[in-house]
């Protein structure tokens, strides 16, 4: 059972930055894939970025060049650095882990981009 706790969301102006964190209850290197998803009001949850246990990263086209996914093994934490934020980035952001064939989700953190 992997527990995930996100933090770091908030209100930011367009063009600003935020860093989201996802603290895992076990070593992140034992987790096959870790991802960030987002869900805007009235829309389906969709992938933002992912990182494999080997360090390979994948980004959604809409965030490529603006967002960076990374991890800190010492802290068992996954990060999402979000730069040049746009109003359309407003959503609840969720951390997801795929480990031993099972999916785990965090509770989500709200990101609001507005002037």
N, C-alpha and C. Protein backbone atom coordinates (compact mmCIF):
# COMPACT_ATOMS: atom_id res chain seq x y z
N UNK A 1 0.84 -1.19 0.00
CA UNK A 1 0.00 0.00 0.00
C UNK A 1 0.88 1.24 0.00
N UNK A 2 0.78 2.03 -1.06
CA UNK A 2 1.56 3.26 -1.16
C UNK A 2 0.64 4.44 -0.84
N UNK A 3 1.05 5.26 0.08
CA UNK A 3 0.30 6.49 0.39
C UNK A 3 1.02 7.68 -0.21
N UNK A 4 0.23 8.56 -0.80
CA UNK A 4 0.77 9.74 -1.49
C UNK A 4 0.10 10.99 -0.93
N UNK A 5 0.90 11.98 -0.62
CA UNK A 5 0.36 13.24 -0.08
C UNK A 5 0.94 14.40 -0.88
N UNK A 6 0.05 15.12 -1.59
CA UNK A 6 0.49 16.27 -2.38
C UNK A 6 0.44 17.54 -1.55
N UNK A 7 1.26 18.50 -1.97
CA UNK A 7 1.24 19.82 -1.37
C UNK A 7 1.84 20.81 -2.36
N UNK A 8 1.69 22.09 -2.06
CA UNK A 8 2.32 23.11 -2.88
C UNK A 8 1.39 23.88 -3.80
N UNK A 9 0.13 23.49 -3.86
CA UNK A 9 -0.80 24.23 -4.71
C UNK A 9 -1.13 25.59 -4.13
N UNK A 10 -1.85 26.38 -4.92
CA UNK A 10 -2.24 27.71 -4.44
C UNK A 10 -2.69 28.59 -5.58
N UNK A 11 -2.80 29.88 -5.28
CA UNK A 11 -3.21 30.88 -6.25
C UNK A 11 -1.97 31.61 -6.76
N UNK A 12 -1.84 31.70 -8.06
CA UNK A 12 -0.67 32.36 -8.66
C UNK A 12 -1.14 33.16 -9.87
N UNK A 13 -0.45 34.24 -10.16
CA UNK A 13 -0.79 35.06 -11.32
C UNK A 13 -0.26 34.41 -12.60
N UNK A 14 -0.89 34.72 -13.73
CA UNK A 14 -0.36 34.21 -15.00
C UNK A 14 1.10 34.60 -15.17
N UNK A 15 1.88 33.65 -15.65
CA UNK A 15 3.31 33.87 -15.80
C UNK A 15 4.12 33.47 -14.59
N UNK A 16 3.44 33.17 -13.49
CA UNK A 16 4.13 32.80 -12.26
C UNK A 16 4.53 31.34 -12.21
N UNK A 17 5.07 30.93 -11.07
CA UNK A 17 5.57 29.57 -10.89
C UNK A 17 5.06 28.97 -9.59
N UNK A 18 4.96 27.66 -9.59
CA UNK A 18 4.66 26.89 -8.39
C UNK A 18 5.45 25.59 -8.45
N UNK A 19 5.74 25.04 -7.28
CA UNK A 19 6.33 23.70 -7.23
C UNK A 19 5.44 22.81 -6.38
N UNK A 20 4.94 21.76 -7.01
CA UNK A 20 4.12 20.78 -6.29
C UNK A 20 5.02 19.67 -5.77
N UNK A 21 4.65 19.13 -4.63
CA UNK A 21 5.37 18.01 -4.03
C UNK A 21 4.41 16.86 -3.78
N UNK A 22 4.93 15.65 -3.87
CA UNK A 22 4.16 14.45 -3.57
C UNK A 22 5.03 13.55 -2.73
N UNK A 23 4.71 13.45 -1.45
CA UNK A 23 5.47 12.62 -0.53
C UNK A 23 4.92 11.20 -0.54
N UNK A 24 5.80 10.24 -0.79
CA UNK A 24 5.40 8.83 -0.85
C UNK A 24 5.77 8.12 0.45
N UNK A 25 5.00 7.07 0.77
CA UNK A 25 5.20 6.35 2.03
C UNK A 25 6.28 5.28 1.92
N UNK A 26 6.81 5.07 0.69
CA UNK A 26 7.90 4.13 0.53
C UNK A 26 8.90 4.68 -0.48
N UNK A 27 10.00 3.99 -0.62
CA UNK A 27 11.03 4.45 -1.54
C UNK A 27 10.48 4.62 -2.95
N UNK A 28 10.68 5.80 -3.52
CA UNK A 28 10.13 6.06 -4.85
C UNK A 28 10.84 5.24 -5.92
N UNK A 29 12.03 4.73 -5.63
CA UNK A 29 12.73 3.91 -6.61
C UNK A 29 12.15 2.50 -6.68
N UNK A 30 11.31 2.14 -5.72
CA UNK A 30 10.62 0.86 -5.78
C UNK A 30 9.31 0.97 -6.54
N UNK A 31 8.95 2.18 -6.95
CA UNK A 31 7.71 2.44 -7.68
C UNK A 31 8.03 2.49 -9.18
N UNK A 32 7.25 1.75 -9.98
CA UNK A 32 7.57 1.62 -11.39
C UNK A 32 7.43 2.94 -12.15
N UNK A 33 6.30 3.62 -11.94
CA UNK A 33 6.05 4.90 -12.59
C UNK A 33 5.39 5.84 -11.60
N UNK A 34 5.77 7.09 -11.65
CA UNK A 34 5.08 8.12 -10.89
C UNK A 34 4.68 9.22 -11.86
N UNK A 35 3.50 9.74 -11.64
CA UNK A 35 2.95 10.70 -12.58
C UNK A 35 2.22 11.82 -11.87
N UNK A 36 2.07 12.91 -12.59
CA UNK A 36 1.18 13.99 -12.20
C UNK A 36 0.03 14.03 -13.20
N UNK A 37 -1.18 14.14 -12.68
CA UNK A 37 -2.38 14.31 -13.48
C UNK A 37 -3.06 15.60 -13.04
N UNK A 38 -3.92 16.13 -13.92
CA UNK A 38 -4.70 17.29 -13.53
C UNK A 38 -6.15 17.10 -13.96
N UNK A 39 -7.04 17.73 -13.23
CA UNK A 39 -8.46 17.67 -13.55
C UNK A 39 -9.06 19.05 -13.36
N UNK A 40 -9.44 19.66 -14.49
CA UNK A 40 -10.09 20.96 -14.45
C UNK A 40 -11.60 20.77 -14.25
N UNK A 41 -12.29 21.79 -13.77
CA UNK A 41 -13.74 21.67 -13.55
C UNK A 41 -14.47 21.24 -14.82
N UNK A 42 -15.29 20.20 -14.70
CA UNK A 42 -16.08 19.73 -15.83
C UNK A 42 -15.32 18.92 -16.85
N UNK A 43 -14.05 18.62 -16.55
CA UNK A 43 -13.24 17.86 -17.50
C UNK A 43 -12.74 16.57 -16.87
N UNK A 44 -12.26 15.66 -17.74
CA UNK A 44 -11.70 14.41 -17.24
C UNK A 44 -10.28 14.64 -16.74
N UNK A 45 -9.88 13.77 -15.84
CA UNK A 45 -8.51 13.79 -15.35
C UNK A 45 -7.58 13.39 -16.50
N UNK A 46 -6.48 14.14 -16.66
CA UNK A 46 -5.57 13.85 -17.76
C UNK A 46 -4.12 13.91 -17.29
N UNK A 47 -3.25 13.17 -17.97
CA UNK A 47 -1.84 13.14 -17.56
C UNK A 47 -1.13 14.44 -17.89
N UNK A 48 -0.22 14.81 -17.02
CA UNK A 48 0.60 16.02 -17.20
C UNK A 48 2.05 15.62 -17.47
N UNK A 49 2.59 14.77 -16.59
CA UNK A 49 3.98 14.36 -16.72
C UNK A 49 4.18 13.07 -15.94
N UNK A 50 5.16 12.28 -16.38
CA UNK A 50 5.46 11.04 -15.68
C UNK A 50 6.96 10.78 -15.70
N UNK A 51 7.40 9.95 -14.75
CA UNK A 51 8.79 9.57 -14.67
C UNK A 51 8.85 8.10 -14.28
N UNK A 52 9.69 7.35 -14.99
CA UNK A 52 9.82 5.93 -14.70
C UNK A 52 10.87 5.71 -13.62
N UNK A 53 10.95 4.48 -13.13
CA UNK A 53 11.97 4.17 -12.12
C UNK A 53 13.37 4.37 -12.68
N UNK A 54 13.51 4.27 -14.01
CA UNK A 54 14.80 4.49 -14.63
C UNK A 54 15.10 5.95 -14.94
N UNK A 55 14.12 6.83 -14.69
CA UNK A 55 14.35 8.25 -14.87
C UNK A 55 13.84 8.83 -16.19
N UNK A 56 13.21 8.01 -17.01
CA UNK A 56 12.67 8.52 -18.27
C UNK A 56 11.43 9.37 -18.00
N UNK A 57 11.38 10.55 -18.61
CA UNK A 57 10.27 11.46 -18.38
C UNK A 57 9.45 11.63 -19.66
N UNK A 58 8.17 11.87 -19.46
CA UNK A 58 7.24 12.13 -20.57
C UNK A 58 6.34 13.28 -20.14
N UNK A 59 6.06 14.19 -21.07
CA UNK A 59 5.23 15.36 -20.78
C UNK A 59 4.08 15.47 -21.76
N UNK A 60 2.97 16.01 -21.28
CA UNK A 60 1.89 16.38 -22.18
C UNK A 60 2.36 17.55 -23.04
N UNK A 61 1.86 17.61 -24.25
CA UNK A 61 2.30 18.66 -25.16
C UNK A 61 2.04 20.06 -24.64
N UNK A 62 0.96 20.22 -23.90
CA UNK A 62 0.57 21.55 -23.42
C UNK A 62 1.51 22.09 -22.33
N UNK A 63 2.31 21.22 -21.71
CA UNK A 63 3.18 21.68 -20.63
C UNK A 63 4.67 21.54 -20.96
N UNK A 64 4.97 20.92 -22.08
CA UNK A 64 6.36 20.68 -22.46
C UNK A 64 7.11 22.01 -22.56
N UNK A 65 8.25 22.05 -21.91
CA UNK A 65 9.04 23.28 -21.91
C UNK A 65 8.69 24.23 -20.76
N UNK A 66 7.57 23.98 -20.09
CA UNK A 66 7.16 24.85 -18.96
C UNK A 66 7.20 24.10 -17.63
N UNK A 67 6.87 22.82 -17.65
CA UNK A 67 6.83 22.01 -16.43
C UNK A 67 7.99 21.02 -16.43
N UNK A 68 8.47 20.71 -15.23
CA UNK A 68 9.53 19.72 -15.07
C UNK A 68 9.18 18.78 -13.94
N UNK A 69 9.20 17.47 -14.23
CA UNK A 69 8.97 16.46 -13.20
C UNK A 69 10.32 15.97 -12.71
N UNK A 70 10.43 15.79 -11.41
CA UNK A 70 11.69 15.31 -10.84
C UNK A 70 11.38 14.57 -9.54
N UNK A 71 12.41 13.97 -8.96
CA UNK A 71 12.21 13.21 -7.72
C UNK A 71 13.45 13.33 -6.84
N UNK A 72 13.23 13.16 -5.57
CA UNK A 72 14.29 13.18 -4.58
C UNK A 72 14.21 11.88 -3.80
N UNK A 73 15.15 10.98 -4.03
CA UNK A 73 15.07 9.67 -3.40
C UNK A 73 15.28 9.75 -1.89
N UNK A 74 16.08 10.70 -1.45
CA UNK A 74 16.33 10.83 -0.02
C UNK A 74 15.07 11.24 0.74
N UNK A 75 14.23 12.03 0.06
CA UNK A 75 12.99 12.50 0.68
C UNK A 75 11.78 11.68 0.27
N UNK A 76 11.98 10.69 -0.61
CA UNK A 76 10.86 9.91 -1.15
C UNK A 76 9.77 10.83 -1.69
N UNK A 77 10.19 11.83 -2.45
CA UNK A 77 9.26 12.86 -2.90
C UNK A 77 9.37 13.09 -4.39
N UNK A 78 8.21 13.24 -5.00
CA UNK A 78 8.10 13.59 -6.42
C UNK A 78 7.74 15.06 -6.51
N UNK A 79 8.31 15.76 -7.49
CA UNK A 79 8.04 17.18 -7.66
C UNK A 79 7.50 17.47 -9.05
N UNK A 80 6.79 18.60 -9.14
CA UNK A 80 6.41 19.15 -10.43
C UNK A 80 6.68 20.65 -10.37
N UNK A 81 7.73 21.07 -11.05
CA UNK A 81 8.03 22.50 -11.14
C UNK A 81 7.22 23.07 -12.30
N UNK A 82 6.39 24.05 -12.00
CA UNK A 82 5.48 24.61 -12.99
C UNK A 82 5.86 26.07 -13.21
N UNK A 83 6.33 26.39 -14.40
CA UNK A 83 6.72 27.75 -14.75
C UNK A 83 5.82 28.31 -15.83
N UNK A 84 5.85 29.61 -15.97
CA UNK A 84 5.07 30.30 -17.00
C UNK A 84 3.62 29.80 -16.99
N UNK A 85 3.03 29.82 -15.82
CA UNK A 85 1.68 29.28 -15.67
C UNK A 85 0.66 30.12 -16.42
N UNK A 86 -0.35 29.43 -16.92
CA UNK A 86 -1.42 30.04 -17.70
C UNK A 86 -2.77 29.78 -17.01
N UNK A 87 -3.76 30.61 -17.25
CA UNK A 87 -5.08 30.36 -16.64
C UNK A 87 -5.62 28.96 -16.96
N UNK A 88 -5.29 28.45 -18.12
CA UNK A 88 -5.79 27.12 -18.50
C UNK A 88 -5.10 25.99 -17.73
N UNK A 89 -4.07 26.31 -16.96
CA UNK A 89 -3.43 25.31 -16.09
C UNK A 89 -4.21 25.12 -14.80
N UNK A 90 -5.22 25.96 -14.58
CA UNK A 90 -6.02 25.85 -13.36
C UNK A 90 -6.71 24.49 -13.29
N UNK A 91 -6.46 23.77 -12.20
CA UNK A 91 -6.99 22.42 -12.04
C UNK A 91 -6.59 21.90 -10.66
N UNK A 92 -7.16 20.75 -10.32
CA UNK A 92 -6.65 19.99 -9.18
C UNK A 92 -5.58 19.05 -9.73
N UNK A 93 -4.42 19.07 -9.10
CA UNK A 93 -3.31 18.24 -9.55
C UNK A 93 -3.15 17.05 -8.60
N UNK A 94 -3.05 15.86 -9.20
CA UNK A 94 -2.97 14.62 -8.45
C UNK A 94 -1.65 13.91 -8.75
N UNK A 95 -1.13 13.28 -7.74
CA UNK A 95 0.03 12.41 -7.86
C UNK A 95 -0.47 10.98 -8.01
N UNK A 96 0.15 10.21 -8.90
CA UNK A 96 -0.23 8.83 -9.10
C UNK A 96 1.01 7.95 -9.10
N UNK A 97 0.89 6.79 -8.50
CA UNK A 97 1.99 5.82 -8.47
C UNK A 97 1.51 4.48 -8.99
N UNK A 98 2.33 3.86 -9.83
CA UNK A 98 2.08 2.50 -10.31
C UNK A 98 3.16 1.61 -9.71
N UNK A 99 2.74 0.70 -8.84
CA UNK A 99 3.70 -0.14 -8.14
C UNK A 99 3.17 -1.55 -8.05
N UNK A 100 3.94 -2.51 -8.55
CA UNK A 100 3.58 -3.93 -8.52
C UNK A 100 2.18 -4.16 -9.09
N UNK A 101 1.89 -3.44 -10.16
CA UNK A 101 0.62 -3.64 -10.85
C UNK A 101 -0.58 -2.93 -10.25
N UNK A 102 -0.37 -2.15 -9.22
CA UNK A 102 -1.47 -1.45 -8.57
C UNK A 102 -1.27 0.06 -8.70
N UNK A 103 -2.41 0.75 -8.82
CA UNK A 103 -2.40 2.21 -8.93
C UNK A 103 -2.78 2.84 -7.59
N UNK A 104 -2.09 3.91 -7.28
CA UNK A 104 -2.38 4.66 -6.06
C UNK A 104 -2.47 6.14 -6.42
N UNK A 105 -3.39 6.84 -5.77
CA UNK A 105 -3.61 8.27 -6.02
C UNK A 105 -3.50 9.05 -4.71
N UNK A 106 -3.01 10.27 -4.85
CA UNK A 106 -3.06 11.19 -3.72
C UNK A 106 -4.41 11.89 -3.71
N UNK A 107 -4.57 12.80 -2.74
CA UNK A 107 -5.85 13.47 -2.56
C UNK A 107 -6.01 14.71 -3.44
N UNK A 108 -4.92 15.16 -4.04
CA UNK A 108 -4.96 16.31 -4.94
C UNK A 108 -4.65 17.61 -4.25
N UNK A 109 -4.14 18.54 -5.05
CA UNK A 109 -3.87 19.90 -4.56
C UNK A 109 -4.33 20.89 -5.63
N UNK A 110 -5.02 21.93 -5.22
CA UNK A 110 -5.62 22.89 -6.15
C UNK A 110 -4.59 23.90 -6.62
N UNK A 111 -4.54 24.10 -7.92
CA UNK A 111 -3.73 25.15 -8.53
C UNK A 111 -4.68 26.09 -9.27
N UNK A 112 -4.62 27.36 -8.92
CA UNK A 112 -5.46 28.36 -9.57
C UNK A 112 -4.57 29.46 -10.14
N UNK A 113 -4.68 29.67 -11.44
CA UNK A 113 -3.88 30.69 -12.12
C UNK A 113 -4.83 31.81 -12.54
N UNK A 114 -4.71 32.93 -11.89
CA UNK A 114 -5.64 34.03 -12.14
C UNK A 114 -5.02 35.35 -11.70
N UNK A 115 -5.38 36.40 -12.41
CA UNK A 115 -4.93 37.74 -12.02
C UNK A 115 -5.96 38.40 -11.12
